[in-house]
Amino acid sequence: MSEDIEAKIRFLTTTEGGRKTPVRSGYRPDHLVKENYLTCGRHTYPKEWVELGTTILGTIKFIDPESYPNSLSIGQKLSFQEGNKIVGYAEITRIYNKLLKKV
């Protein structure tokens, strides 16, 4: 599997400070995978569009996971953002890429 993790992904509503429009599969925000380290990740959802304020089970493929090995654990909550604005959170439910799993 080429995906790195499975997560419960929640998008903040506009009133919570999130985006203004729904999101579709292929969305690529930045993720805080460890303290002071953001990396881009491509989201894949079981449906094309996801409305703000909802939580959906999806997968995330990160770029360059070799740069942050042993940084993720099941149950960990990652914020994701556009620029400096947090637009949602992903709670890790499975880790497919063993390089990323905390030991």
PDB file of N, CA and C in Angstrom:
ATOM      1  N   MET A   1       0.854  -1.181   0.000  1.00  0.00           N
ATOM      2  CA  MET A   1       0.000   0.000   0.000  1.00  0.00           C
ATOM      3  C   MET A   1       0.893   1.234   0.000  1.00  0.00           C
ATOM      4  N   SER A   2       0.577   2.172  -0.822  1.00  0.00           N
ATOM      5  CA  SER A   2       1.411   3.371  -0.914  1.00  0.00           C
ATOM      6  C   SER A   2       1.008   4.446   0.102  1.00  0.00           C
ATOM      7  N   GLU A   3      -0.122   4.283   0.752  1.00  0.00           N
ATOM      8  CA  GLU A   3      -0.556   5.271   1.745  1.00  0.00           C
ATOM      9  C   GLU A   3       0.259   5.070   3.029  1.00  0.00           C
ATOM     10  N   ASP A   4       0.502   6.143   3.752  1.00  0.00           N
ATOM     11  CA  ASP A   4       1.282   6.052   4.984  1.00  0.00           C
ATOM     12  C   ASP A   4       0.430   5.787   6.214  1.00  0.00           C
ATOM     13  N   ILE A   5      -0.734   6.445   6.304  1.00  0.00           N
ATOM     14  CA  ILE A   5      -1.597   6.249   7.477  1.00  0.00           C
ATOM     15  C   ILE A   5      -3.069   6.257   7.079  1.00  0.00           C
ATOM     16  N   GLU A   6      -3.883   5.707   7.967  1.00  0.00           N
ATOM     17  CA  GLU A   6      -5.332   5.856   7.914  1.00  0.00           C
ATOM     18  C   GLU A   6      -5.679   6.724   9.115  1.00  0.00           C
ATOM     19  N   ALA A   7      -6.668   7.619   8.941  1.00  0.00           N
ATOM     20  CA  ALA A   7      -7.020   8.525  10.039  1.00  0.00           C
ATOM     21  C   ALA A   7      -8.476   8.941   9.974  1.00  0.00           C
ATOM     22  N   LYS A   8      -9.003   9.295  11.156  1.00  0.00           N
ATOM     23  CA  LYS A   8     -10.295   9.962  11.231  1.00  0.00           C
ATOM     24  C   LYS A   8      -9.996  11.440  11.011  1.00  0.00           C
ATOM     25  N   ILE A   9     -10.456  11.964   9.903  1.00  0.00           N
ATOM     26  CA  ILE A   9     -10.121  13.325   9.488  1.00  0.00           C
ATOM     27  C   ILE A   9     -11.319  14.226   9.715  1.00  0.00           C
ATOM     28  N   ARG A  10     -11.098  15.302  10.465  1.00  0.00           N
ATOM     29  CA  ARG A  10     -12.172  16.267  10.749  1.00  0.00           C
ATOM     30  C   ARG A  10     -11.784  17.643  10.237  1.00  0.00           C
ATOM     31  N   PHE A  11     -12.684  18.214   9.463  1.00  0.00           N
ATOM     32  CA  PHE A  11     -12.497  19.557   8.927  1.00  0.00           C
ATOM     33  C   PHE A  11     -13.237  20.561   9.797  1.00  0.00           C
ATOM     34  N   LEU A  12     -12.529  21.602  10.221  1.00  0.00           N
ATOM     35  CA  LEU A  12     -13.171  22.672  10.975  1.00  0.00           C
ATOM     36  C   LEU A  12     -14.157  23.404  10.075  1.00  0.00           C
ATOM     37  N   THR A  13     -15.220  23.915  10.658  1.00  0.00           N
ATOM     38  CA  THR A  13     -16.161  24.733   9.896  1.00  0.00           C
ATOM     39  C   THR A  13     -15.556  26.120   9.720  1.00  0.00           C
ATOM     40  N   THR A  14     -16.146  26.893   8.852  1.00  0.00           N
ATOM     41  CA  THR A  14     -15.686  28.267   8.635  1.00  0.00           C
ATOM     42  C   THR A  14     -15.771  29.066   9.931  1.00  0.00           C
ATOM     43  N   THR A  15     -16.852  28.882  10.700  1.00  0.00           N
ATOM     44  CA  THR A  15     -17.006  29.625  11.962  1.00  0.00           C
ATOM     45  C   THR A  15     -15.997  29.177  13.016  1.00  0.00           C
ATOM     46  N   GLU A  16     -15.470  27.968  12.891  1.00  0.00           N
ATOM     47  CA  GLU A  16     -14.426  27.488  13.803  1.00  0.00           C
ATOM     48  C   GLU A  16     -13.034  27.954  13.349  1.00  0.00           C
ATOM     49  N   GLY A  17     -12.982  28.663  12.226  1.00  0.00           N
ATOM     50  CA  GLY A  17     -11.714  29.154  11.703  1.00  0.00           C
ATOM     51  C   GLY A  17     -11.160  28.346  10.553  1.00  0.00           C
ATOM     52  N   GLY A  18     -11.945  27.397  10.057  1.00  0.00           N
ATOM     53  CA  GLY A  18     -11.498  26.534   8.965  1.00  0.00           C
ATOM     54  C   GLY A  18     -11.682  27.134   7.587  1.00  0.00           C
ATOM     55  N   ARG A  19     -11.697  26.293   6.604  1.00  0.00           N
ATOM     56  CA  ARG A  19     -11.848  26.679   5.206  1.00  0.00           C
ATOM     57  C   ARG A  19     -13.221  27.285   4.952  1.00  0.00           C
ATOM     58  N   LYS A  20     -13.401  27.764   3.724  1.00  0.00           N
ATOM     59  CA  LYS A  20     -14.698  28.307   3.325  1.00  0.00           C
ATOM     60  C   LYS A  20     -15.437  27.385   2.369  1.00  0.00           C
ATOM     61  N   THR A  21     -14.747  26.385   1.830  1.00  0.00           N
ATOM     62  CA  THR A  21     -15.356  25.488   0.842  1.00  0.00           C
ATOM     63  C   THR A  21     -15.089  24.032   1.197  1.00  0.00           C
ATOM     64  N   PRO A  22     -15.941  23.122   0.720  1.00  0.00           N
ATOM     65  CA  PRO A  22     -15.716  21.691   0.947  1.00  0.00           C
ATOM     66  C   PRO A  22     -14.392  21.236   0.333  1.00  0.00           C
ATOM     67  N   VAL A  23     -13.994  20.024   0.670  1.00  0.00           N
ATOM     68  CA  VAL A  23     -12.716  19.471   0.226  1.00  0.00           C
ATOM     69  C   VAL A  23     -12.968  18.205  -0.579  1.00  0.00           C
ATOM     70  N   ARG A  24     -12.107  17.966  -1.556  1.00  0.00           N
ATOM     71  CA  ARG A  24     -12.243  16.735  -2.340  1.00  0.00           C
ATOM     72  C   ARG A  24     -11.016  15.856  -2.189  1.00  0.00           C
ATOM     73  N   SER A  25     -11.186  14.598  -2.509  1.00  0.00           N
ATOM     74  CA  SER A  25     -10.093  13.647  -2.472  1.00  0.00           C
ATOM     75  C   SER A  25      -8.937  14.183  -3.319  1.00  0.00           C
ATOM     76  N   GLY A  26      -7.714  14.066  -2.810  1.00  0.00           N
ATOM     77  CA  GLY A  26      -6.549  14.625  -3.480  1.00  0.00           C
ATOM     78  C   GLY A  26      -6.055  15.906  -2.821  1.00  0.00           C
ATOM     79  N   TYR A  27      -6.811  16.411  -1.848  1.00  0.00           N
ATOM     80  CA  TYR A  27      -6.460  17.612  -1.080  1.00  0.00           C
ATOM     81  C   TYR A  27      -5.081  17.415  -0.460  1.00  0.00           C
ATOM     82  N   ARG A  28      -4.235  18.465  -0.478  1.00  0.00           N
ATOM     83  CA  ARG A  28      -2.852  18.352  -0.006  1.00  0.00           C
ATOM     84  C   ARG A  28      -2.474  19.451   1.002  1.00  0.00           C
ATOM     85  N   PRO A  29      -2.946  19.374   2.232  1.00  0.00           N
ATOM     86  CA  PRO A  29      -2.538  20.360   3.248  1.00  0.00           C
ATOM     87  C   PRO A  29      -1.193  19.972   3.878  1.00  0.00           C
ATOM     88  N   ASP A  30      -0.674  20.856   4.712  1.00  0.00           N
ATOM     89  CA  ASP A  30       0.523  20.555   5.501  1.00  0.00           C
ATOM     90  C   ASP A  30       0.092  19.956   6.832  1.00  0.00           C
ATOM     91  N   HIS A  31       0.871  18.995   7.342  1.00  0.00           N
ATOM     92  CA  HIS A  31       0.559  18.275   8.581  1.00  0.00           C
ATOM     93  C   HIS A  31       1.690  18.454   9.581  1.00  0.00           C
ATOM     94  N   LEU A  32       1.333  18.703  10.826  1.00  0.00           N
ATOM     95  CA  LEU A  32       2.334  18.811  11.888  1.00  0.00           C
ATOM     96  C   LEU A  32       2.616  17.396  12.402  1.00  0.00           C
ATOM     97  N   VAL A  33       3.645  16.753  11.842  1.00  0.00           N
ATOM     98  CA  VAL A  33       3.923  15.353  12.171  1.00  0.00           C
ATOM     99  C   VAL A  33       4.793  15.190  13.411  1.00  0.00           C
ATOM    100  N   LYS A  34       5.507  16.253  13.766  1.00  0.00           N
ATOM    101  CA  LYS A  34       6.250  16.297  15.030  1.00  0.00           C
ATOM    102  C   LYS A  34       6.478  17.764  15.349  1.00  0.00           C
ATOM    103  N   GLU A  35       6.920  18.041  16.557  1.00  0.00           N
ATOM    104  CA  GLU A  35       7.080  19.428  16.985  1.00  0.00           C
ATOM    105  C   GLU A  35       7.936  20.220  15.992  1.00  0.00           C
ATOM    106  N   ASN A  36       7.401  21.325  15.551  1.00  0.00           N
ATOM    107  CA  ASN A  36       8.100  22.221  14.628  1.00  0.00           C
ATOM    108  C   ASN A  36       8.444  21.587  13.282  1.00  0.00           C
ATOM    109  N   TYR A  37       7.668  20.587  12.839  1.00  0.00           N
ATOM    110  CA  TYR A  37       7.950  19.965  11.541  1.00  0.00           C
ATOM    111  C   TYR A  37       6.646  19.744  10.779  1.00  0.00           C
ATOM    112  N   LEU A  38       6.461  20.520   9.739  1.00  0.00           N
ATOM    113  CA  LEU A  38       5.305  20.373   8.851  1.00  0.00           C
ATOM    114  C   LEU A  38       5.725  19.633   7.592  1.00  0.00           C
ATOM    115  N   THR A  39       4.841  18.779   7.107  1.00  0.00           N
ATOM    116  CA  THR A  39       5.080  18.106   5.833  1.00  0.00           C
ATOM    117  C   THR A  39       3.772  18.016   5.067  1.00  0.00           C
ATOM    118  N   CYS A  40       3.868  18.019   3.775  1.00  0.00           N
ATOM    119  CA  CYS A  40       2.687  17.928   2.926  1.00  0.00           C
ATOM    120  C   CYS A  40       2.202  16.478   2.862  1.00  0.00           C
ATOM    121  N   GLY A  41       0.885  16.313   2.776  1.00  0.00           N
ATOM    122  CA  GLY A  41       0.315  14.981   2.637  1.00  0.00           C
ATOM    123  C   GLY A  41      -0.922  15.021   1.760  1.00  0.00           C
ATOM    124  N   ARG A  42      -1.082  14.004   0.920  1.00  0.00           N
ATOM    125  CA  ARG A  42      -2.246  13.907   0.030  1.00  0.00           C
ATOM    126  C   ARG A  42      -3.322  13.062   0.706  1.00  0.00           C
ATOM    127  N   HIS A  43      -4.513  13.630   0.850  1.00  0.00           N
ATOM    128  CA  HIS A  43      -5.650  12.929   1.458  1.00  0.00           C
ATOM    129  C   HIS A  43      -6.428  12.170   0.385  1.00  0.00           C
ATOM    130  N   THR A  44      -6.901  10.981   0.758  1.00  0.00           N
ATOM    131  CA  THR A  44      -7.804  10.215  -0.090  1.00  0.00           C
ATOM    132  C   THR A  44      -9.011   9.842   0.764  1.00  0.00           C
ATOM    133  N   TYR A  45     -10.208  10.132   0.246  1.00  0.00           N
ATOM    134  CA  TYR A  45     -11.460   9.876   0.962  1.00  0.00           C
ATOM    135  C   TYR A  45     -12.291   8.855   0.189  1.00  0.00           C
ATOM    136  N   PRO A  46     -13.218   8.175   0.876  1.00  0.00           N
ATOM    137  CA  PRO A  46     -14.063   7.194   0.185  1.00  0.00           C
ATOM    138  C   PRO A  46     -15.128   7.826  -0.703  1.00  0.00           C
ATOM    139  N   LYS A  47     -15.268   9.149  -0.664  1.00  0.00           N
ATOM    140  CA  LYS A  47     -16.185   9.841  -1.558  1.00  0.00           C
ATOM    141  C   LYS A  47     -15.475  11.069  -2.107  1.00  0.00           C
ATOM    142  N   GLU A  48     -15.983  11.641  -3.185  1.00  0.00           N
ATOM    143  CA  GLU A  48     -15.268  12.731  -3.846  1.00  0.00           C
ATOM    144  C   GLU A  48     -15.188  14.005  -3.008  1.00  0.00           C
ATOM    145  N   TRP A  49     -16.296  14.429  -2.416  1.00  0.00           N
ATOM    146  CA  TRP A  49     -16.350  15.684  -1.662  1.00  0.00           C
ATOM    147  C   TRP A  49     -16.635  15.450  -0.192  1.00  0.00           C
ATOM    148  N   VAL A  50     -16.012  16.239   0.686  1.00  0.00           N
ATOM    149  CA  VAL A  50     -16.238  16.171   2.125  1.00  0.00           C
ATOM    150  C   VAL A  50     -16.648  17.564   2.596  1.00  0.00           C
ATOM    151  N   GLU A  51     -17.789  17.639   3.263  1.00  0.00           N
ATOM    152  CA  GLU A  51     -18.300  18.912   3.771  1.00  0.00           C
ATOM    153  C   GLU A  51     -17.543  19.317   5.029  1.00  0.00           C
ATOM    154  N   LEU A  52     -17.429  20.605   5.259  1.00  0.00           N
ATOM    155  CA  LEU A  52     -16.781  21.112   6.459  1.00  0.00           C
ATOM    156  C   LEU A  52     -17.602  20.727   7.685  1.00  0.00           C
ATOM    157  N   GLY A  53     -16.924  20.515   8.804  1.00  0.00           N
ATOM    158  CA  GLY A  53     -17.600  20.138  10.037  1.00  0.00           C
ATOM    159  C   GLY A  53     -17.838  18.645  10.165  1.00  0.00           C
ATOM    160  N   THR A  54     -17.472  17.875   9.157  1.00  0.00           N
ATOM    161  CA  THR A  54     -17.679  16.426   9.222  1.00  0.00           C
ATOM    162  C   THR A  54     -16.365  15.710   9.500  1.00  0.00           C
ATOM    163  N   THR A  55     -16.501  14.479   9.980  1.00  0.00           N
ATOM    164  CA  THR A  55     -15.360  13.605  10.202  1.00  0.00           C
ATOM    165  C   THR A  55     -15.499  12.425   9.261  1.00  0.00           C
ATOM    166  N   ILE A  56     -14.403  12.071   8.594  1.00  0.00           N
ATOM    167  CA  ILE A  56     -14.429  10.987   7.624  1.00  0.00           C
ATOM    168  C   ILE A  56     -13.172  10.142   7.793  1.00  0.00           C
ATOM    169  N   LEU A  57     -13.296   8.836   7.581  1.00  0.00           N
ATOM    170  CA  LEU A  57     -12.139   7.953   7.621  1.00  0.00           C
ATOM    171  C   LEU A  57     -11.468   8.017   6.256  1.00  0.00           C
ATOM    172  N   GLY A  58     -10.201   8.352   6.246  1.00  0.00           N
ATOM    173  CA  GLY A  58      -9.467   8.464   4.984  1.00  0.00           C
ATOM    174  C   GLY A  58      -8.028   8.050   5.173  1.00  0.00           C
ATOM    175  N   THR A  59      -7.241   8.176   4.108  1.00  0.00           N
ATOM    176  CA  THR A  59      -5.824   7.850   4.175  1.00  0.00           C
ATOM    177  C   THR A  59      -5.011   9.077   3.788  1.00  0.00           C
ATOM    178  N   ILE A  60      -3.759   9.071   4.233  1.00  0.00           N
ATOM    179  CA  ILE A  60      -2.846  10.169   3.938  1.00  0.00           C
ATOM    180  C   ILE A  60      -1.512   9.600   3.480  1.00  0.00           C
ATOM    181  N   LYS A  61      -1.000  10.146   2.389  1.00  0.00           N
ATOM    182  CA  LYS A  61       0.332   9.813   1.866  1.00  0.00           C
ATOM    183  C   LYS A  61       1.196  11.047   2.056  1.00  0.00           C
ATOM    184  N   PHE A  62       2.256  10.941   2.882  1.00  0.00           N
ATOM    185  CA  PHE A  62       3.145  12.059   3.158  1.00  0.00           C
ATOM    186  C   PHE A  62       4.298  12.101   2.161  1.00  0.00           C
ATOM    187  N   ILE A  63       4.880  13.303   1.998  1.00  0.00           N
ATOM    188  CA  ILE A  63       6.096  13.375   1.196  1.00  0.00           C
ATOM    189  C   ILE A  63       7.296  13.198   2.131  1.00  0.00           C
ATOM    190  N   ASP A  64       8.310  12.543   1.655  1.00  0.00           N
ATOM    191  CA  ASP A  64       9.593  12.396   2.331  1.00  0.00           C
ATOM    192  C   ASP A  64       9.511  11.883   3.771  1.00  0.00           C
ATOM    193  N   PRO A  65       8.829  10.750   4.038  1.00  0.00           N
ATOM    194  CA  PRO A  65       8.740  10.240   5.410  1.00  0.00           C
ATOM    195  C   PRO A  65      10.099   9.855   6.009  1.00  0.00           C
ATOM    196  N   GLU A  66      11.111   9.714   5.172  1.00  0.00           N
ATOM    197  CA  GLU A  66      12.451   9.388   5.671  1.00  0.00           C
ATOM    198  C   GLU A  66      13.007  10.527   6.543  1.00  0.00           C
ATOM    199  N   SER A  67      12.464  11.723   6.397  1.00  0.00           N
ATOM    200  CA  SER A  67      12.940  12.874   7.165  1.00  0.00           C
ATOM    201  C   SER A  67      12.375  12.937   8.583  1.00  0.00           C
ATOM    202  N   TYR A  68      11.357  12.124   8.886  1.00  0.00           N
ATOM    203  CA  TYR A  68      10.757  12.144  10.229  1.00  0.00           C
ATOM    204  C   TYR A  68      10.355  10.732  10.653  1.00  0.00           C
ATOM    205  N   PRO A  69      11.331   9.803  10.696  1.00  0.00           N
ATOM    206  CA  PRO A  69      11.031   8.425  11.096  1.00  0.00           C
ATOM    207  C   PRO A  69      10.626   8.355  12.568  1.00  0.00           C
ATOM    208  N   ASN A  70       9.908   7.294  12.915  1.00  0.00           N
ATOM    209  CA  ASN A  70       9.516   7.021  14.306  1.00  0.00           C
ATOM    210  C   ASN A  70       8.803   8.198  14.960  1.00  0.00           C
ATOM    211  N   SER A  71       7.946   8.885  14.203  1.00  0.00           N
ATOM    212  CA  SER A  71       7.308  10.092  14.737  1.00  0.00           C
ATOM    213  C   SER A  71       5.800   9.955  14.966  1.00  0.00           C
ATOM    214  N   LEU A  72       5.181   8.856  14.530  1.00  0.00           N
ATOM    215  CA  LEU A  72       3.723   8.736  14.616  1.00  0.00           C
ATOM    216  C   LEU A  72       3.295   7.523  15.432  1.00  0.00           C
ATOM    217  N   SER A  73       2.126   7.647  16.072  1.00  0.00           N
ATOM    218  CA  SER A  73       1.563   6.522  16.821  1.00  0.00           C
ATOM    219  C   SER A  73       0.044   6.514  16.662  1.00  0.00           C
ATOM    220  N   ILE A  74      -0.541   5.343  16.821  1.00  0.00           N
ATOM    221  CA  ILE A  74      -1.995   5.213  16.724  1.00  0.00           C
ATOM    222  C   ILE A  74      -2.629   6.022  17.851  1.00  0.00           C
ATOM    223  N   GLY A  75      -3.664   6.791  17.510  1.00  0.00           N
ATOM    224  CA  GLY A  75      -4.336   7.650  18.465  1.00  0.00           C
ATOM    225  C   GLY A  75      -3.789   9.071  18.468  1.00  0.00           C
ATOM    226  N   GLN A  76      -2.621   9.265  17.879  1.00  0.00           N
ATOM    227  CA  GLN A  76      -2.029  10.605  17.806  1.00  0.00           C
ATOM    228  C   GLN A  76      -2.896  11.501  16.930  1.00  0.00           C
ATOM    229  N   LYS A  77      -3.029  12.753  17.337  1.00  0.00           N
ATOM    230  CA  LYS A  77      -3.853  13.712  16.613  1.00  0.00           C
ATOM    231  C   LYS A  77      -2.936  14.735  15.946  1.00  0.00           C
ATOM    232  N   LEU A  78      -2.983  14.783  14.617  1.00  0.00           N
ATOM    233  CA  LEU A  78      -2.186  15.726  13.845  1.00  0.00           C
ATOM    234  C   LEU A  78      -3.066  16.881  13.403  1.00  0.00           C
ATOM    235  N   SER A  79      -2.566  18.095  13.542  1.00  0.00           N
ATOM    236  CA  SER A  79      -3.283  19.213  12.943  1.00  0.00           C
ATOM    237  C   SER A  79      -2.842  19.297  11.484  1.00  0.00           C
ATOM    238  N   PHE A  80      -3.736  19.792  10.628  1.00  0.00           N
ATOM    239  CA  PHE A  80      -3.321  20.079   9.256  1.00  0.00           C
ATOM    240  C   PHE A  80      -3.771  21.476   8.906  1.00  0.00           C
ATOM    241  N   GLN A  81      -3.018  22.103   8.020  1.00  0.00           N
ATOM    242  CA  GLN A  81      -3.213  23.525   7.789  1.00  0.00           C
ATOM    243  C   GLN A  81      -2.940  23.941   6.357  1.00  0.00           C
ATOM    244  N   GLU A  82      -3.447  25.139   6.065  1.00  0.00           N
ATOM    245  CA  GLU A  82      -3.186  25.819   4.805  1.00  0.00           C
ATOM    246  C   GLU A  82      -2.438  27.090   5.190  1.00  0.00           C
ATOM    247  N   GLY A  83      -1.185  27.196   4.807  1.00  0.00           N
ATOM    248  CA  GLY A  83      -0.363  28.305   5.279  1.00  0.00           C
ATOM    249  C   GLY A  83      -0.230  28.190   6.787  1.00  0.00           C
ATOM    250  N   ASN A  84      -0.492  29.271   7.514  1.00  0.00           N
ATOM    251  CA  ASN A  84      -0.397  29.209   8.976  1.00  0.00           C
ATOM    252  C   ASN A  84      -1.748  28.974   9.650  1.00  0.00           C
ATOM    253  N   LYS A  85      -2.767  28.663   8.861  1.00  0.00           N
ATOM    254  CA  LYS A  85      -4.135  28.499   9.368  1.00  0.00           C
ATOM    255  C   LYS A  85      -4.498  27.013   9.518  1.00  0.00           C
ATOM    256  N   ILE A  86      -4.767  26.573  10.755  1.00  0.00           N
ATOM    257  CA  ILE A  86      -5.203  25.189  10.993  1.00  0.00           C
ATOM    258  C   ILE A  86      -6.622  25.043  10.483  1.00  0.00           C
ATOM    259  N   VAL A  87      -6.856  24.051   9.627  1.00  0.00           N
ATOM    260  CA  VAL A  87      -8.178  23.837   9.039  1.00  0.00           C
ATOM    261  C   VAL A  87      -8.796  22.495   9.432  1.00  0.00           C
ATOM    262  N   GLY A  88      -8.031  21.670  10.191  1.00  0.00           N
ATOM    263  CA  GLY A  88      -8.584  20.398  10.620  1.00  0.00           C
ATOM    264  C   GLY A  88      -7.586  19.564  11.399  1.00  0.00           C
ATOM    265  N   TYR A  89      -8.058  18.361  11.768  1.00  0.00           N
ATOM    266  CA  TYR A  89      -7.260  17.433  12.554  1.00  0.00           C
ATOM    267  C   TYR A  89      -7.440  16.020  12.013  1.00  0.00           C
ATOM    268  N   ALA A  90      -6.380  15.230  12.127  1.00  0.00           N
ATOM    269  CA  ALA A  90      -6.424  13.830  11.711  1.00  0.00           C
ATOM    270  C   ALA A  90      -5.970  12.972  12.886  1.00  0.00           C
ATOM    271  N   GLU A  91      -6.849  12.083  13.348  1.00  0.00           N
ATOM    272  CA  GLU A  91      -6.493  11.156  14.426  1.00  0.00           C
ATOM    273  C   GLU A  91      -6.097   9.826  13.792  1.00  0.00           C
ATOM    274  N   ILE A  92      -4.866   9.415  14.002  1.00  0.00           N
ATOM    275  CA  ILE A  92      -4.320   8.217  13.358  1.00  0.00           C
ATOM    276  C   ILE A  92      -4.997   6.957  13.890  1.00  0.00           C
ATOM    277  N   THR A  93      -5.509   6.135  12.970  1.00  0.00           N
ATOM    278  CA  THR A  93      -6.137   4.865  13.337  1.00  0.00           C
ATOM    279  C   THR A  93      -5.304   3.652  12.897  1.00  0.00           C
ATOM    280  N   ARG A  94      -4.477   3.826  11.854  1.00  0.00           N
ATOM    281  CA  ARG A  94      -3.580   2.759  11.382  1.00  0.00           C
ATOM    282  C   ARG A  94      -2.334   3.405  10.796  1.00  0.00           C
ATOM    283  N   ILE A  95      -1.214   2.727  10.937  1.00  0.00           N
ATOM    284  CA  ILE A  95       0.029   3.185  10.321  1.00  0.00           C
ATOM    285  C   ILE A  95       0.484   2.090   9.368  1.00  0.00           C
ATOM    286  N   TYR A  96       0.468   2.404   8.083  1.00  0.00           N
ATOM    287  CA  TYR A  96       0.882   1.441   7.062  1.00  0.00           C
ATOM    288  C   TYR A  96       2.395   1.473   6.844  1.00  0.00           C
ATOM    289  N   ASN A  97       2.985   2.652   6.925  1.00  0.00           N
ATOM    290  CA  ASN A  97       4.417   2.810   6.702  1.00  0.00           C
ATOM    291  C   ASN A  97       5.150   2.602   8.023  1.00  0.00           C
ATOM    292  N   LYS A  98       5.774   1.448   8.181  1.00  0.00           N
ATOM    293  CA  LYS A  98       6.439   1.081   9.445  1.00  0.00           C
ATOM    294  C   LYS A  98       7.575   2.044   9.813  1.00  0.00           C
ATOM    295  N   LEU A  99       8.157   2.705   8.848  1.00  0.00           N
ATOM    296  CA  LEU A  99       9.214   3.680   9.105  1.00  0.00           C
ATOM    297  C   LEU A  99       8.710   4.831   9.995  1.00  0.00           C
ATOM    298  N   LEU A 100       7.426   5.169   9.874  1.00  0.00           N
ATOM    299  CA  LEU A 100       6.871   6.291  10.610  1.00  0.00           C
ATOM    300  C   LEU A 100       6.440   5.934  12.043  1.00  0.00           C
ATOM    301  N   LYS A 101       6.268   4.653  12.334  1.00  0.00           N
ATOM    302  CA  LYS A 101       5.732   4.236  13.632  1.00  0.00           C
ATOM    303  C   LYS A 101       6.762   4.418  14.751  1.00  0.00           C
ATOM    304  N   LYS A 102       6.297   5.087  15.832  1.00  0.00           N
ATOM    305  CA  LYS A 102       7.162   5.244  17.011  1.00  0.00           C
ATOM    306  C   LYS A 102       7.486   3.881  17.583  1.00  0.00           C
ATOM    307  N   VAL A 103       8.723   3.723  18.028  1.00  0.00           N
ATOM    308  CA  VAL A 103       9.144   2.441  18.622  1.00  0.00           C
ATOM    309  C   VAL A 103       9.246   2.558  20.129  1.00  0.00           C
TER     310      VAL A 103
END
